[in-house]
Protein backbone atom coordinates (compact mmCIF):
# COMPACT_ATOMS: atom_id res chain seq x y z
CA PRO A 1 139.08 48.76 -258.59
CA SER A 2 138.53 48.71 -254.49
CA VAL A 3 134.72 50.49 -254.08
CA PRO A 4 134.55 52.94 -250.98
CA ARG A 5 133.24 51.53 -248.09
CA ALA A 6 129.42 53.48 -246.27
CA SER A 7 130.19 54.72 -243.52
CA VAL A 8 127.87 53.32 -240.31
CA ALA A 9 126.65 55.94 -238.23
CA ALA A 10 125.78 55.20 -234.88
CA PRO A 11 122.32 54.10 -234.15
CA PRO A 12 120.58 56.73 -232.26
CA PRO A 13 121.34 58.13 -229.14
CA LYS A 14 118.03 55.98 -226.85
CA PRO A 15 114.96 59.38 -225.83
CA SER A 16 115.55 60.60 -222.82
CA ARG A 17 112.74 62.42 -220.20
CA ALA A 18 114.03 65.95 -221.69
CA SER A 19 113.98 64.73 -225.31
CA SER A 20 110.81 62.62 -225.15
CA SER A 21 106.70 63.89 -226.70
CA ARG A 22 107.01 66.67 -223.90
CA GLY A 23 110.09 68.81 -225.66
CA SER A 24 113.01 70.23 -223.85
CA THR A 25 111.18 72.06 -220.97
CA LYS A 26 113.18 72.25 -217.75
CA VAL A 27 112.98 69.56 -215.11
CA ASP A 28 112.96 71.73 -211.65
CA LYS A 29 113.07 69.13 -209.46
CA SER A 30 114.03 65.68 -209.76
CA SER A 31 114.24 62.73 -206.74
CA ILE A 32 113.01 59.11 -205.21
CA LEU A 33 110.51 59.24 -203.49
CA VAL A 34 107.77 56.50 -201.49
CA LYS A 35 104.49 56.34 -202.81
CA LYS A 36 100.62 55.13 -201.83
CA GLN A 37 99.43 52.47 -204.02
CA ARG A 38 95.38 53.34 -204.51
CA ASN A 39 93.32 50.73 -202.64
CA THR A 40 96.05 49.03 -200.74
CA LYS A 41 98.73 48.99 -197.50
CA LYS A 42 101.16 49.27 -200.26
CA TRP A 43 104.42 51.68 -200.83
CA LYS A 44 106.87 51.90 -203.69
CA PRO A 45 109.40 53.72 -205.12
CA TYR A 46 109.12 56.08 -208.00
CA LEU A 47 111.51 58.66 -209.40
CA VAL A 48 108.99 61.71 -209.18
CA THR A 49 109.59 64.62 -211.91
CA LEU A 50 108.26 68.37 -211.65
CA TRP A 51 107.43 70.22 -214.37
CA ALA A 52 107.50 73.56 -213.13
CA GLU A 53 106.72 75.36 -216.42
CA LYS A 54 104.09 72.94 -217.31
CA ARG A 55 102.78 72.42 -213.89
CA ARG A 56 102.54 69.25 -214.62
CA LEU A 57 104.22 66.04 -212.19
CA TYR A 58 105.44 62.91 -213.67
CA TYR A 59 106.54 59.88 -211.72
CA PHE A 60 108.15 56.73 -213.67
CA GLU A 61 108.79 53.37 -212.26
CA ASN A 62 112.67 53.90 -212.35
CA GLN A 63 115.36 56.35 -213.72
CA ALA A 64 115.50 54.22 -217.23
CA ALA A 65 111.81 54.63 -218.11
CA ILE A 66 111.15 56.99 -220.60
CA LYS A 67 107.01 57.04 -219.85
CA PRO A 68 106.08 57.89 -216.95
CA LYS A 69 103.97 55.93 -215.05
CA GLY A 70 101.22 58.84 -214.02
CA ILE A 71 101.41 62.39 -214.40
CA ILE A 72 99.73 65.33 -212.17
CA ASP A 73 98.27 67.78 -213.81
CA LEU A 74 99.06 70.69 -210.77
CA ALA A 75 96.85 73.35 -211.72
CA SER A 76 93.59 71.24 -210.06
CA SER A 77 95.67 70.12 -208.00
CA GLN A 78 95.84 70.76 -204.02
CA VAL A 79 98.90 70.16 -201.69
CA TYR A 80 98.54 68.53 -198.44
CA ALA A 81 101.62 68.37 -195.61
CA LEU A 82 100.53 65.02 -193.48
CA ASP A 83 101.62 64.71 -189.91
CA ASP A 84 103.54 61.58 -189.64
CA SER A 85 100.11 60.18 -187.77
CA TYR A 86 98.43 60.13 -190.48
CA TYR A 87 100.11 57.02 -192.45
CA GLY A 88 102.26 55.41 -189.96
CA ARG A 89 104.80 57.30 -192.04
CA PRO A 90 106.98 60.60 -191.80
CA ASN A 91 108.21 63.07 -194.20
CA CYS A 92 104.88 62.40 -196.10
CA PHE A 93 103.21 64.93 -197.91
CA ALA A 94 99.60 64.67 -200.54
CA LEU A 95 98.51 66.46 -203.93
CA GLY A 96 94.94 65.91 -204.41
CA VAL A 97 93.57 65.36 -207.51
CA PHE A 98 89.85 64.95 -208.37
CA GLY A 99 88.73 64.10 -205.04
CA ALA A 100 91.55 61.52 -204.85
CA ASP A 101 94.51 61.33 -203.06
CA VAL A 102 97.40 60.89 -204.22
CA ILE A 103 100.81 60.05 -201.33
CA PHE A 104 103.56 60.25 -201.28
CA CYS A 105 106.64 60.74 -199.00
CA CYS A 106 110.51 62.12 -198.70
CA ASP A 107 113.65 60.50 -196.35
CA ALA A 108 114.19 63.44 -195.01
CA GLU A 109 111.73 66.53 -193.00
CA GLN A 110 114.27 68.56 -194.95
CA ASP A 111 113.28 66.96 -198.94
CA GLN A 112 110.18 67.53 -197.49
CA GLN A 113 110.01 71.02 -196.95
CA GLU A 114 111.68 71.42 -200.40
CA TRP A 115 109.31 69.62 -202.55
CA LEU A 116 106.48 71.15 -200.38
CA ALA A 117 108.35 74.97 -201.36
CA SER A 118 108.13 73.44 -205.23
CA LEU A 119 104.83 72.35 -205.65
CA GLN A 120 102.86 75.25 -203.34
CA PRO A 121 102.79 77.91 -206.70
CA LEU A 122 101.94 75.73 -208.99
CA VAL A 123 98.89 73.76 -207.20
CA GLN A 124 95.01 75.37 -206.76
CA SER A 125 95.74 75.86 -202.85
CA SER A 126 97.55 74.14 -200.24
CA SER A 127 97.43 73.81 -196.68
CA ILE A 128 98.75 71.43 -193.86
CA ALA A 129 96.68 68.42 -192.60
CA ALA A 130 97.12 68.42 -188.80
């Protein structure tokens, strides 16, 4: 007699950021921003993602990355819009975290304004650096 073949199940889907250890928290804002590397003059693009519910900003080395390269707790941060002359780049803002600044730059002024509007209600305080 013929033995029935067991059906082969498809492999489980690769975990995404939405189903990772952060749970299914809604992503409020996400885009590619350029981040200044600490202690150097180099800048590197990152996928930056805001989870307002958790008051956290995550940045990933690329869109396929599951683990973030960094996490910023916005509850203990400050946000500053930076003048173009500050780093010689337009559309930048800084997140002050425990005495150190994390600098991001956007492609356009509108992007910078949208990021600032999204971040300001979530941080400890905010201001504009001239």
